[in-house]
């Protein structure tokens, strides 16, 4: 890679934490990263809650004599995520489903 298009922050006097060239930009980046960290924590918390609920649904369904999973429901979830997030949505949905029911 050409160093002039992507300089090493240590060589250009840039902020080592943010890669920004000016203090104001560094502060702005730190603020945005703080919000990203808050969102990440909310996503983790929601992921864990969803997983617990999904496991409870599966246990309740099986205890009542039902099946371990309902493929039509899983397809709905994958389709919803794909529609909202594009191709990556499929992968996100599959990971969510696996965390709630375990591997097939």
N, C-alpha and C. Protein backbone atom coordinates (compact mmCIF):
# COMPACT_ATOMS: atom_id res chain seq x y z
N UNK A 1 0.85 -1.18 0.00
CA UNK A 1 0.00 0.00 0.00
C UNK A 1 0.89 1.23 0.00
N UNK A 2 0.52 2.25 -0.75
CA UNK A 2 1.26 3.49 -0.85
C UNK A 2 1.13 4.27 0.46
N UNK A 3 2.24 4.55 1.18
CA UNK A 3 2.17 5.24 2.47
C UNK A 3 1.58 6.64 2.37
N UNK A 4 1.63 7.26 1.21
CA UNK A 4 1.07 8.61 1.09
C UNK A 4 -0.45 8.61 1.12
N UNK A 5 -1.08 7.50 0.79
CA UNK A 5 -2.54 7.43 0.82
C UNK A 5 -3.07 6.96 2.16
N UNK A 6 -2.24 6.32 2.96
CA UNK A 6 -2.67 5.83 4.27
C UNK A 6 -1.48 5.91 5.22
N UNK A 7 -1.14 7.13 5.64
CA UNK A 7 0.06 7.28 6.47
C UNK A 7 -0.10 6.65 7.84
N UNK A 8 1.02 6.22 8.39
CA UNK A 8 1.06 5.70 9.75
C UNK A 8 0.88 6.88 10.70
N UNK A 9 -0.13 6.84 11.61
CA UNK A 9 -0.38 7.97 12.51
C UNK A 9 0.85 8.38 13.32
N UNK A 10 1.70 7.44 13.68
CA UNK A 10 2.88 7.79 14.47
C UNK A 10 3.87 8.62 13.66
N UNK A 11 3.85 8.49 12.35
CA UNK A 11 4.77 9.25 11.50
C UNK A 11 4.22 10.62 11.14
N UNK A 12 2.92 10.82 11.25
CA UNK A 12 2.32 12.06 10.77
C UNK A 12 1.90 12.99 11.90
N UNK A 13 2.23 12.68 13.15
CA UNK A 13 1.82 13.53 14.27
C UNK A 13 0.34 13.44 14.57
N UNK A 14 -0.29 12.36 14.16
CA UNK A 14 -1.71 12.19 14.42
C UNK A 14 -1.94 11.61 15.80
N UNK A 15 -3.15 11.79 16.30
CA UNK A 15 -3.54 11.22 17.58
C UNK A 15 -3.44 9.70 17.50
N UNK A 16 -2.72 9.09 18.42
CA UNK A 16 -2.47 7.65 18.39
C UNK A 16 -3.74 6.83 18.66
N UNK A 17 -4.67 7.38 19.42
CA UNK A 17 -5.88 6.64 19.77
C UNK A 17 -6.92 6.68 18.66
N UNK A 18 -7.07 7.84 18.03
CA UNK A 18 -8.15 8.01 17.05
C UNK A 18 -7.69 8.05 15.61
N UNK A 19 -6.42 8.33 15.39
CA UNK A 19 -5.92 8.49 14.03
C UNK A 19 -6.25 9.85 13.43
N UNK A 20 -6.84 10.74 14.23
CA UNK A 20 -7.22 12.07 13.75
C UNK A 20 -6.00 12.99 13.71
N UNK A 21 -6.04 13.94 12.77
CA UNK A 21 -4.93 14.87 12.62
C UNK A 21 -5.08 16.13 13.44
N UNK A 22 -6.26 16.39 14.01
CA UNK A 22 -6.49 17.61 14.78
C UNK A 22 -7.20 17.26 16.08
N UNK A 23 -6.89 17.98 17.16
CA UNK A 23 -7.51 17.68 18.46
C UNK A 23 -9.04 17.72 18.43
N UNK A 24 -9.63 18.67 17.72
CA UNK A 24 -11.08 18.76 17.67
C UNK A 24 -11.67 17.50 17.04
N UNK A 25 -11.06 17.03 15.97
CA UNK A 25 -11.53 15.79 15.33
C UNK A 25 -11.34 14.60 16.26
N UNK A 26 -10.23 14.58 17.00
CA UNK A 26 -9.99 13.48 17.94
C UNK A 26 -11.08 13.44 19.00
N UNK A 27 -11.47 14.60 19.53
CA UNK A 27 -12.54 14.66 20.53
C UNK A 27 -13.87 14.20 19.94
N UNK A 28 -14.13 14.60 18.72
CA UNK A 28 -15.37 14.19 18.05
C UNK A 28 -15.39 12.67 17.86
N UNK A 29 -14.27 12.12 17.43
CA UNK A 29 -14.17 10.67 17.24
C UNK A 29 -14.36 9.93 18.56
N UNK A 30 -13.75 10.43 19.62
CA UNK A 30 -13.90 9.78 20.93
C UNK A 30 -15.36 9.78 21.36
N UNK A 31 -16.07 10.88 21.12
CA UNK A 31 -17.50 10.95 21.46
C UNK A 31 -18.32 9.94 20.67
N UNK A 32 -18.01 9.82 19.38
CA UNK A 32 -18.74 8.85 18.55
C UNK A 32 -18.42 7.42 18.98
N UNK A 33 -17.17 7.18 19.32
CA UNK A 33 -16.80 5.83 19.77
C UNK A 33 -17.48 5.48 21.09
N UNK A 34 -17.65 6.47 21.95
CA UNK A 34 -18.36 6.22 23.21
C UNK A 34 -19.79 5.77 22.92
N UNK A 35 -20.44 6.44 21.98
CA UNK A 35 -21.81 6.06 21.62
C UNK A 35 -21.83 4.67 20.97
N UNK A 36 -20.84 4.38 20.13
CA UNK A 36 -20.74 3.05 19.52
C UNK A 36 -20.62 1.99 20.61
N UNK A 37 -19.81 2.25 21.63
CA UNK A 37 -19.65 1.29 22.73
C UNK A 37 -20.97 1.08 23.46
N UNK A 38 -21.76 2.16 23.65
CA UNK A 38 -23.07 2.03 24.29
C UNK A 38 -24.00 1.17 23.44
N UNK A 39 -23.99 1.41 22.14
CA UNK A 39 -24.83 0.62 21.23
C UNK A 39 -24.40 -0.84 21.25
N UNK A 40 -23.09 -1.08 21.22
CA UNK A 40 -22.59 -2.46 21.29
C UNK A 40 -23.09 -3.17 22.54
N UNK A 41 -23.06 -2.48 23.68
CA UNK A 41 -23.52 -3.11 24.92
C UNK A 41 -25.01 -3.40 24.86
N UNK A 42 -25.79 -2.47 24.28
CA UNK A 42 -27.22 -2.71 24.13
C UNK A 42 -27.48 -3.91 23.22
N UNK A 43 -26.72 -4.02 22.14
CA UNK A 43 -26.86 -5.17 21.24
C UNK A 43 -26.54 -6.48 21.96
N UNK A 44 -25.49 -6.48 22.75
CA UNK A 44 -25.11 -7.68 23.51
C UNK A 44 -26.22 -8.05 24.48
N UNK A 45 -26.73 -7.06 25.21
CA UNK A 45 -27.80 -7.32 26.18
C UNK A 45 -29.05 -7.87 25.49
N UNK A 46 -29.42 -7.27 24.36
CA UNK A 46 -30.60 -7.75 23.62
C UNK A 46 -30.36 -9.14 23.04
N UNK A 47 -29.16 -9.40 22.55
CA UNK A 47 -28.81 -10.73 22.02
C UNK A 47 -29.02 -11.79 23.10
N UNK A 48 -28.49 -11.52 24.30
CA UNK A 48 -28.61 -12.49 25.39
C UNK A 48 -30.06 -12.68 25.81
N UNK A 49 -30.83 -11.60 25.86
CA UNK A 49 -32.24 -11.71 26.21
C UNK A 49 -32.99 -12.53 25.17
N UNK A 50 -32.72 -12.25 23.90
CA UNK A 50 -33.38 -12.99 22.83
C UNK A 50 -33.04 -14.47 22.89
N UNK A 51 -31.79 -14.77 23.16
CA UNK A 51 -31.35 -16.16 23.26
C UNK A 51 -32.09 -16.89 24.38
N UNK A 52 -32.19 -16.24 25.54
CA UNK A 52 -32.91 -16.86 26.67
C UNK A 52 -34.38 -17.10 26.32
N UNK A 53 -35.01 -16.10 25.69
CA UNK A 53 -36.42 -16.25 25.32
C UNK A 53 -36.60 -17.38 24.30
N UNK A 54 -35.73 -17.43 23.33
CA UNK A 54 -35.82 -18.46 22.30
C UNK A 54 -35.65 -19.85 22.91
N UNK A 55 -34.71 -19.99 23.84
CA UNK A 55 -34.52 -21.28 24.51
C UNK A 55 -35.77 -21.65 25.31
N UNK A 56 -36.39 -20.67 25.95
CA UNK A 56 -37.61 -20.94 26.72
C UNK A 56 -38.75 -21.37 25.80
N UNK A 57 -38.86 -20.74 24.64
CA UNK A 57 -39.89 -21.13 23.67
C UNK A 57 -39.67 -22.59 23.25
N UNK A 58 -38.43 -22.94 22.93
CA UNK A 58 -38.13 -24.31 22.52
C UNK A 58 -38.46 -25.33 23.60
N UNK A 59 -38.09 -25.03 24.84
CA UNK A 59 -38.37 -25.95 25.95
C UNK A 59 -39.87 -26.11 26.15
N UNK A 60 -40.60 -24.99 26.08
CA UNK A 60 -42.05 -25.05 26.25
C UNK A 60 -42.70 -25.85 25.13
N UNK A 61 -42.25 -25.61 23.90
CA UNK A 61 -42.81 -26.33 22.76
C UNK A 61 -42.55 -27.83 22.89
N UNK A 62 -41.33 -28.21 23.24
CA UNK A 62 -41.00 -29.63 23.36
C UNK A 62 -41.71 -30.28 24.54
N UNK A 63 -41.85 -29.55 25.64
CA UNK A 63 -42.55 -30.10 26.81
C UNK A 63 -44.02 -30.36 26.51
N UNK A 64 -44.57 -29.63 25.54
CA UNK A 64 -45.97 -29.83 25.18
C UNK A 64 -46.14 -30.87 24.08
N UNK A 65 -45.03 -31.55 23.72
CA UNK A 65 -45.09 -32.57 22.69
C UNK A 65 -44.81 -32.05 21.29
N UNK A 66 -44.40 -30.79 21.19
CA UNK A 66 -44.12 -30.20 19.88
C UNK A 66 -42.72 -30.52 19.39
N UNK A 67 -42.37 -29.90 18.29
CA UNK A 67 -41.07 -30.13 17.66
C UNK A 67 -39.99 -29.26 18.30
N UNK A 68 -38.74 -29.63 18.05
CA UNK A 68 -37.60 -28.87 18.58
C UNK A 68 -37.55 -27.48 17.98
N UNK A 69 -37.86 -27.37 16.69
CA UNK A 69 -37.86 -26.07 16.04
C UNK A 69 -38.94 -26.03 14.97
N UNK A 70 -39.23 -24.81 14.53
CA UNK A 70 -40.23 -24.60 13.49
C UNK A 70 -39.53 -23.89 12.33
N UNK A 71 -39.25 -24.64 11.28
CA UNK A 71 -38.47 -24.11 10.16
C UNK A 71 -39.14 -22.91 9.49
N UNK A 72 -40.47 -22.92 9.40
CA UNK A 72 -41.17 -21.79 8.78
C UNK A 72 -40.90 -20.51 9.57
N UNK A 73 -40.89 -20.61 10.88
CA UNK A 73 -40.60 -19.44 11.72
C UNK A 73 -39.15 -18.98 11.50
N UNK A 74 -38.23 -19.91 11.42
CA UNK A 74 -36.84 -19.54 11.19
C UNK A 74 -36.67 -18.86 9.83
N UNK A 75 -37.37 -19.35 8.82
CA UNK A 75 -37.30 -18.71 7.49
C UNK A 75 -37.82 -17.28 7.55
N UNK A 76 -38.90 -17.06 8.30
CA UNK A 76 -39.44 -15.70 8.46
C UNK A 76 -38.39 -14.77 9.05
N UNK A 77 -37.69 -15.25 10.06
CA UNK A 77 -36.67 -14.44 10.73
C UNK A 77 -35.53 -14.13 9.77
N UNK A 78 -35.04 -15.14 9.07
CA UNK A 78 -33.94 -14.93 8.11
C UNK A 78 -34.38 -13.93 7.03
N UNK A 79 -35.59 -14.09 6.52
CA UNK A 79 -36.09 -13.18 5.48
C UNK A 79 -36.19 -11.75 5.99
N UNK A 80 -36.65 -11.58 7.22
CA UNK A 80 -36.78 -10.24 7.81
C UNK A 80 -35.42 -9.57 7.94
N UNK A 81 -34.44 -10.31 8.42
CA UNK A 81 -33.10 -9.74 8.58
C UNK A 81 -32.46 -9.44 7.22
N UNK A 82 -32.65 -10.33 6.26
CA UNK A 82 -32.10 -10.11 4.92
C UNK A 82 -32.72 -8.87 4.30
N UNK A 83 -34.03 -8.70 4.45
CA UNK A 83 -34.71 -7.54 3.88
C UNK A 83 -34.21 -6.24 4.51
N UNK A 84 -33.94 -6.27 5.79
CA UNK A 84 -33.51 -5.06 6.49
C UNK A 84 -32.02 -4.76 6.33
N UNK A 85 -31.20 -5.81 6.28
CA UNK A 85 -29.74 -5.63 6.33
C UNK A 85 -29.00 -6.09 5.08
N UNK A 86 -29.72 -6.63 4.12
CA UNK A 86 -29.05 -7.14 2.92
C UNK A 86 -28.43 -8.50 3.19
N UNK A 87 -27.47 -8.90 2.36
CA UNK A 87 -26.88 -10.23 2.48
C UNK A 87 -26.30 -10.52 3.87
N UNK A 88 -25.73 -9.53 4.52
CA UNK A 88 -25.19 -9.76 5.86
C UNK A 88 -26.29 -10.09 6.86
N UNK A 89 -27.52 -9.65 6.57
CA UNK A 89 -28.63 -9.95 7.45
C UNK A 89 -28.88 -11.44 7.58
N UNK A 90 -28.62 -12.18 6.52
CA UNK A 90 -28.78 -13.63 6.57
C UNK A 90 -27.84 -14.22 7.62
N UNK A 91 -26.60 -13.80 7.60
CA UNK A 91 -25.62 -14.32 8.55
C UNK A 91 -25.97 -13.92 9.98
N UNK A 92 -26.41 -12.68 10.17
CA UNK A 92 -26.80 -12.23 11.51
C UNK A 92 -27.96 -13.08 12.02
N UNK A 93 -28.96 -13.29 11.17
CA UNK A 93 -30.12 -14.08 11.57
C UNK A 93 -29.73 -15.51 11.92
N UNK A 94 -28.87 -16.11 11.12
CA UNK A 94 -28.45 -17.49 11.40
C UNK A 94 -27.70 -17.59 12.72
N UNK A 95 -26.88 -16.60 13.03
CA UNK A 95 -26.17 -16.59 14.32
C UNK A 95 -27.15 -16.41 15.47
N UNK A 96 -28.12 -15.53 15.30
CA UNK A 96 -29.13 -15.33 16.34
C UNK A 96 -29.92 -16.62 16.59
N UNK A 97 -30.34 -17.24 15.51
CA UNK A 97 -31.11 -18.48 15.64
C UNK A 97 -30.29 -19.56 16.34
N UNK A 98 -29.04 -19.67 15.96
CA UNK A 98 -28.19 -20.69 16.57
C UNK A 98 -28.00 -20.43 18.06
N UNK A 99 -27.87 -19.17 18.44
CA UNK A 99 -27.66 -18.87 19.86
C UNK A 99 -28.88 -19.22 20.69
N UNK A 100 -30.05 -19.23 20.06
CA UNK A 100 -31.27 -19.53 20.79
C UNK A 100 -31.64 -21.00 20.83
N UNK A 101 -31.18 -21.76 19.85
CA UNK A 101 -31.58 -23.17 19.77
C UNK A 101 -30.41 -24.13 19.71
N UNK A 102 -29.21 -23.61 19.52
CA UNK A 102 -28.04 -24.47 19.36
C UNK A 102 -27.89 -24.87 17.91
N UNK A 103 -26.77 -25.53 17.58
CA UNK A 103 -26.56 -25.95 16.19
C UNK A 103 -27.53 -27.04 15.79
N UNK A 104 -27.81 -27.11 14.50
CA UNK A 104 -28.72 -28.16 14.00
C UNK A 104 -28.03 -29.50 13.97
